[in-house]
């Protein structure tokens, strides 16, 4: 689905929602934008997507993905890529081996620098 088709569908939904006489019990909605492409340029793509969408994004980390999230009222936009594609894997050995993902804040900086 293209950006234009998706936006058209969202506008149609907004029109239907505004015209509905029954109060709906809607919950938060999250829109996921994947930047997992085998290009080696996932970080740059994430920065371009965030810049293109505009607004304030915040960084979130989970077990498998690096995510940039923008909140618009009850709506969330999450732009994500796997840690393997945008982060450096760092393993330290202490009493117990700890593996963590060190993700660059530079993806958000790339997006803001390019504006």
N, C-alpha and C. Protein backbone atom coordinates (compact mmCIF):
# COMPACT_ATOMS: atom_id res chain seq x y z
N UNK A 1 0.85 -1.17 0.00
CA UNK A 1 0.00 0.00 0.00
C UNK A 1 0.90 1.24 0.00
N UNK A 2 0.56 2.20 -0.83
CA UNK A 2 1.36 3.43 -0.90
C UNK A 2 1.01 4.37 0.25
N UNK A 3 1.86 5.37 0.47
CA UNK A 3 1.58 6.37 1.50
C UNK A 3 0.25 7.07 1.22
N UNK A 4 0.00 7.40 -0.04
CA UNK A 4 -1.23 8.11 -0.43
C UNK A 4 -2.46 7.24 -0.15
N UNK A 5 -2.39 5.95 -0.51
CA UNK A 5 -3.51 5.04 -0.26
C UNK A 5 -3.78 4.89 1.24
N UNK A 6 -2.71 4.79 2.02
CA UNK A 6 -2.85 4.64 3.46
C UNK A 6 -3.47 5.89 4.07
N UNK A 7 -2.99 7.06 3.65
CA UNK A 7 -3.54 8.33 4.15
C UNK A 7 -5.01 8.47 3.77
N UNK A 8 -5.37 8.06 2.56
CA UNK A 8 -6.77 8.13 2.12
C UNK A 8 -7.65 7.25 3.02
N UNK A 9 -7.18 6.05 3.33
CA UNK A 9 -7.93 5.14 4.19
C UNK A 9 -8.08 5.74 5.60
N UNK A 10 -7.03 6.38 6.11
CA UNK A 10 -7.12 7.00 7.43
C UNK A 10 -8.11 8.16 7.43
N UNK A 11 -8.11 8.96 6.36
CA UNK A 11 -9.08 10.05 6.27
C UNK A 11 -10.51 9.52 6.22
N UNK A 12 -10.71 8.44 5.48
CA UNK A 12 -12.04 7.83 5.39
C UNK A 12 -12.48 7.32 6.77
N UNK A 13 -11.55 6.70 7.49
CA UNK A 13 -11.86 6.23 8.84
C UNK A 13 -12.19 7.42 9.75
N UNK A 14 -11.41 8.51 9.67
CA UNK A 14 -11.66 9.70 10.50
C UNK A 14 -13.04 10.28 10.20
N UNK A 15 -13.42 10.32 8.93
CA UNK A 15 -14.74 10.83 8.55
C UNK A 15 -15.84 9.95 9.13
N UNK A 16 -15.67 8.64 9.01
CA UNK A 16 -16.66 7.70 9.57
C UNK A 16 -16.75 7.86 11.08
N UNK A 17 -15.60 8.01 11.73
CA UNK A 17 -15.56 8.16 13.19
C UNK A 17 -16.26 9.43 13.63
N UNK A 18 -16.01 10.53 12.93
CA UNK A 18 -16.66 11.80 13.27
C UNK A 18 -18.17 11.76 13.07
N UNK A 19 -18.63 10.97 12.11
CA UNK A 19 -20.05 10.88 11.82
C UNK A 19 -20.79 9.84 12.64
N UNK A 20 -20.08 9.07 13.43
CA UNK A 20 -20.70 8.00 14.21
C UNK A 20 -21.41 8.57 15.43
N UNK A 21 -22.70 8.22 15.58
CA UNK A 21 -23.49 8.73 16.70
C UNK A 21 -23.27 7.93 17.99
N UNK A 22 -22.67 6.77 17.88
CA UNK A 22 -22.43 5.92 19.04
C UNK A 22 -21.01 6.18 19.54
N UNK A 23 -20.88 6.46 20.84
CA UNK A 23 -19.55 6.68 21.40
C UNK A 23 -18.79 5.36 21.41
N UNK A 24 -17.68 5.34 20.75
CA UNK A 24 -16.88 4.12 20.65
C UNK A 24 -15.83 4.08 21.76
N UNK A 25 -15.53 2.91 22.22
CA UNK A 25 -14.50 2.72 23.23
C UNK A 25 -13.20 2.35 22.51
N UNK A 26 -12.60 3.35 21.88
CA UNK A 26 -11.38 3.10 21.12
C UNK A 26 -10.17 3.05 22.04
N UNK A 27 -9.21 2.25 21.69
CA UNK A 27 -7.97 2.13 22.45
C UNK A 27 -6.83 2.70 21.63
N UNK A 28 -5.68 2.85 22.27
CA UNK A 28 -4.51 3.34 21.55
C UNK A 28 -4.24 2.50 20.31
N UNK A 29 -3.73 3.14 19.30
CA UNK A 29 -3.37 2.45 18.07
C UNK A 29 -1.92 2.76 17.75
N UNK A 30 -1.16 1.74 17.42
CA UNK A 30 0.24 1.93 17.05
C UNK A 30 0.43 1.53 15.59
N UNK A 31 1.06 2.41 14.83
CA UNK A 31 1.39 2.14 13.44
C UNK A 31 2.88 1.83 13.38
N UNK A 32 3.21 0.68 12.84
CA UNK A 32 4.60 0.23 12.77
C UNK A 32 5.16 0.45 11.38
N UNK A 33 6.35 1.06 11.31
CA UNK A 33 7.04 1.28 10.04
C UNK A 33 8.36 0.54 10.12
N UNK A 34 8.48 -0.53 9.34
CA UNK A 34 9.68 -1.36 9.36
C UNK A 34 10.77 -0.76 8.48
N UNK A 35 11.97 -0.74 9.01
CA UNK A 35 13.14 -0.33 8.23
C UNK A 35 14.11 -1.49 8.11
N UNK A 36 13.60 -2.72 8.21
CA UNK A 36 14.43 -3.91 8.08
C UNK A 36 14.56 -4.28 6.61
N UNK A 37 15.58 -3.74 5.98
CA UNK A 37 15.88 -4.06 4.59
C UNK A 37 17.33 -4.51 4.55
N UNK A 38 17.64 -5.52 3.77
CA UNK A 38 19.02 -6.02 3.73
C UNK A 38 19.92 -5.10 2.89
N UNK A 39 19.96 -3.83 3.25
CA UNK A 39 20.72 -2.88 2.44
C UNK A 39 21.99 -2.42 3.12
N UNK A 40 22.07 -2.62 4.44
CA UNK A 40 23.21 -2.08 5.16
C UNK A 40 23.05 -0.60 5.46
N UNK A 41 21.93 -0.02 5.06
CA UNK A 41 21.68 1.40 5.27
C UNK A 41 20.40 1.63 6.09
N UNK A 42 20.13 0.71 7.00
CA UNK A 42 18.91 0.80 7.78
C UNK A 42 18.86 2.05 8.65
N UNK A 43 20.00 2.42 9.26
CA UNK A 43 20.03 3.61 10.11
C UNK A 43 19.70 4.86 9.31
N UNK A 44 20.26 4.96 8.11
CA UNK A 44 19.97 6.12 7.26
C UNK A 44 18.50 6.14 6.83
N UNK A 45 17.96 4.95 6.55
CA UNK A 45 16.55 4.88 6.18
C UNK A 45 15.66 5.30 7.36
N UNK A 46 16.00 4.83 8.56
CA UNK A 46 15.22 5.24 9.73
C UNK A 46 15.24 6.76 9.88
N UNK A 47 16.41 7.35 9.73
CA UNK A 47 16.53 8.81 9.85
C UNK A 47 15.68 9.51 8.79
N UNK A 48 15.68 9.00 7.57
CA UNK A 48 14.89 9.60 6.50
C UNK A 48 13.39 9.49 6.77
N UNK A 49 12.97 8.33 7.28
CA UNK A 49 11.55 8.13 7.59
C UNK A 49 11.11 9.08 8.70
N UNK A 50 11.91 9.19 9.76
CA UNK A 50 11.59 10.08 10.87
C UNK A 50 11.53 11.53 10.40
N UNK A 51 12.50 11.92 9.58
CA UNK A 51 12.50 13.28 9.04
C UNK A 51 11.25 13.51 8.19
N UNK A 52 10.92 12.55 7.35
CA UNK A 52 9.76 12.67 6.48
C UNK A 52 8.45 12.78 7.23
N UNK A 53 8.33 12.06 8.34
CA UNK A 53 7.11 12.09 9.14
C UNK A 53 7.04 13.33 10.03
N UNK A 54 8.18 13.90 10.36
CA UNK A 54 8.22 15.11 11.18
C UNK A 54 7.79 14.86 12.61
N UNK A 55 7.83 15.90 13.41
CA UNK A 55 7.42 15.78 14.81
C UNK A 55 8.54 15.26 15.69
N UNK A 56 8.22 15.11 16.96
CA UNK A 56 9.22 14.67 17.94
C UNK A 56 9.15 13.16 18.15
N UNK A 57 10.26 12.51 17.92
CA UNK A 57 10.38 11.07 18.13
C UNK A 57 11.28 10.82 19.33
N UNK A 58 11.01 9.75 20.05
CA UNK A 58 11.85 9.33 21.17
C UNK A 58 12.35 7.92 20.93
N UNK A 59 13.54 7.65 21.44
CA UNK A 59 14.18 6.34 21.26
C UNK A 59 13.64 5.35 22.29
N UNK A 60 13.39 4.13 21.83
CA UNK A 60 12.98 3.03 22.70
C UNK A 60 13.78 1.79 22.29
N UNK A 61 14.17 1.02 23.27
CA UNK A 61 14.88 -0.23 23.01
C UNK A 61 14.06 -1.36 23.58
N UNK A 62 14.03 -2.47 22.87
CA UNK A 62 13.46 -3.68 23.44
C UNK A 62 14.41 -4.82 23.13
N UNK A 63 14.03 -6.03 23.40
CA UNK A 63 14.92 -7.17 23.23
C UNK A 63 15.39 -7.38 21.80
N UNK A 64 14.56 -7.08 20.83
CA UNK A 64 14.92 -7.41 19.45
C UNK A 64 15.08 -6.21 18.52
N UNK A 65 14.46 -5.08 18.85
CA UNK A 65 14.45 -3.96 17.92
C UNK A 65 14.89 -2.65 18.55
N UNK A 66 15.37 -1.78 17.68
CA UNK A 66 15.65 -0.39 18.00
C UNK A 66 14.48 0.38 17.44
N UNK A 67 13.80 1.18 18.27
CA UNK A 67 12.58 1.85 17.83
C UNK A 67 12.65 3.35 18.10
N UNK A 68 12.07 4.11 17.18
CA UNK A 68 11.87 5.54 17.36
C UNK A 68 10.37 5.75 17.33
N UNK A 69 9.83 6.41 18.35
CA UNK A 69 8.39 6.51 18.50
C UNK A 69 7.93 7.97 18.57
N UNK A 70 6.85 8.25 17.86
CA UNK A 70 6.18 9.55 17.92
C UNK A 70 4.76 9.31 18.42
N UNK A 71 4.33 10.12 19.37
CA UNK A 71 2.98 10.00 19.92
C UNK A 71 2.15 11.19 19.45
N UNK A 72 0.98 10.89 18.89
CA UNK A 72 0.03 11.90 18.46
C UNK A 72 -1.29 11.55 19.15
N UNK A 73 -1.53 12.13 20.32
CA UNK A 73 -2.73 11.78 21.08
C UNK A 73 -2.73 10.30 21.38
N UNK A 74 -3.82 9.58 21.00
CA UNK A 74 -3.89 8.15 21.27
C UNK A 74 -3.18 7.31 20.20
N UNK A 75 -2.54 7.97 19.26
CA UNK A 75 -1.86 7.26 18.17
C UNK A 75 -0.35 7.29 18.38
N UNK A 76 0.27 6.18 18.01
CA UNK A 76 1.73 6.09 18.08
C UNK A 76 2.25 5.65 16.72
N UNK A 77 3.38 6.22 16.33
CA UNK A 77 4.07 5.76 15.13
C UNK A 77 5.41 5.22 15.60
N UNK A 78 5.69 3.97 15.30
CA UNK A 78 6.96 3.36 15.68
C UNK A 78 7.73 2.97 14.43
N UNK A 79 8.87 3.60 14.27
CA UNK A 79 9.78 3.27 13.18
C UNK A 79 10.84 2.36 13.80
N UNK A 80 11.04 1.18 13.20
CA UNK A 80 11.93 0.23 13.87
C UNK A 80 12.80 -0.53 12.88
N UNK A 81 13.91 -1.04 13.43
CA UNK A 81 14.80 -1.95 12.71
C UNK A 81 15.42 -2.87 13.75
N UNK A 82 15.89 -4.01 13.32
CA UNK A 82 16.50 -4.96 14.26
C UNK A 82 17.81 -4.38 14.80
N UNK A 83 18.14 -4.77 16.02
CA UNK A 83 19.41 -4.33 16.60
C UNK A 83 20.58 -4.68 15.69
N UNK A 84 20.52 -5.87 15.11
CA UNK A 84 21.63 -6.31 14.26
C UNK A 84 21.91 -5.37 13.11
N UNK A 85 20.88 -4.69 12.64
CA UNK A 85 21.06 -3.84 11.46
C UNK A 85 21.47 -2.41 11.77
N UNK A 86 21.25 -1.93 13.00
CA UNK A 86 21.57 -0.53 13.30
C UNK A 86 22.43 -0.31 14.53
N UNK A 87 22.70 -1.35 15.29
CA UNK A 87 23.43 -1.20 16.55
C UNK A 87 24.71 -2.04 16.52
N UNK A 88 25.58 -1.73 17.44
CA UNK A 88 26.80 -2.50 17.60
C UNK A 88 26.62 -3.43 18.79
N UNK A 89 26.92 -4.69 18.58
CA UNK A 89 26.79 -5.67 19.67
C UNK A 89 28.06 -5.62 20.51
N UNK A 90 27.87 -5.42 21.82
CA UNK A 90 28.99 -5.33 22.75
C UNK A 90 28.80 -6.39 23.81
N UNK A 91 29.81 -7.25 23.97
CA UNK A 91 29.76 -8.29 25.00
C UNK A 91 30.88 -8.00 25.99
N UNK A 92 30.51 -7.97 27.27
CA UNK A 92 31.50 -7.79 28.31
C UNK A 92 31.52 -9.03 29.18
N UNK A 93 32.68 -9.38 29.67
CA UNK A 93 32.79 -10.55 30.53
C UNK A 93 33.16 -10.08 31.93
N UNK A 94 32.30 -10.40 32.85
CA UNK A 94 32.54 -10.10 34.26
C UNK A 94 32.32 -11.41 34.99
N UNK A 95 31.71 -11.36 36.15
CA UNK A 95 31.37 -12.60 36.84
C UNK A 95 30.42 -13.40 35.96
N UNK A 96 29.53 -12.68 35.30
CA UNK A 96 28.58 -13.30 34.38
C UNK A 96 28.72 -12.55 33.06
N UNK A 97 28.56 -13.26 31.97
CA UNK A 97 28.63 -12.59 30.68
C UNK A 97 27.34 -11.82 30.43
N UNK A 98 27.50 -10.56 30.06
CA UNK A 98 26.35 -9.71 29.80
C UNK A 98 26.46 -9.21 28.36
N UNK A 99 25.40 -9.44 27.60
CA UNK A 99 25.36 -8.94 26.23
C UNK A 99 24.29 -7.87 26.17
N UNK A 100 24.65 -6.75 25.59
CA UNK A 100 23.67 -5.68 25.44
C UNK A 100 23.86 -5.04 24.08
N UNK A 101 22.87 -4.30 23.69
CA UNK A 101 22.91 -3.57 22.42
C UNK A 101 23.21 -2.11 22.72
N UNK A 102 24.22 -1.57 22.07
CA UNK A 102 24.56 -0.16 22.21
C UNK A 102 24.10 0.51 20.92
N UNK A 103 23.00 1.23 21.02
CA UNK A 103 22.38 1.82 19.84
C UNK A 103 22.72 3.30 19.75
N UNK A 104 22.99 3.77 18.55
CA UNK A 104 23.43 5.15 18.40
C UNK A 104 22.28 6.14 18.52
N UNK A 105 22.50 7.21 19.27
CA UNK A 105 21.50 8.28 19.27
C UNK A 105 21.57 9.03 17.95
N UNK A 106 22.59 8.72 17.15
CA UNK A 106 22.84 9.45 15.92
C UNK A 106 21.74 9.29 14.88
N UNK A 107 20.89 8.29 14.98
CA UNK A 107 19.81 8.15 14.00
C UNK A 107 18.86 9.34 14.14
N UNK A 108 18.51 9.70 15.37
CA UNK A 108 17.67 10.88 15.57
C UNK A 108 18.45 12.13 15.17
N UNK A 109 19.75 12.17 15.44
CA UNK A 109 20.55 13.32 15.05
C UNK A 109 20.61 13.45 13.54
N UNK A 110 20.71 12.32 12.84
CA UNK A 110 20.70 12.36 11.36
C UNK A 110 19.41 12.97 10.86
N UNK A 111 18.29 12.61 11.48
CA UNK A 111 17.00 13.12 11.06
C UNK A 111 16.91 14.62 11.30
N UNK A 112 17.40 15.09 12.47
CA UNK A 112 17.27 16.51 12.76
C UNK A 112 18.32 17.33 12.01
N UNK A 113 19.51 16.77 11.77
CA UNK A 113 20.53 17.48 11.01
C UNK A 113 20.15 17.69 9.57
N UNK A 114 19.38 16.76 9.04
CA UNK A 114 19.02 16.82 7.62
C UNK A 114 17.90 17.82 7.35
N UNK A 115 17.32 18.37 8.40
CA UNK A 115 16.19 19.32 8.20
C UNK A 115 16.69 20.68 7.82
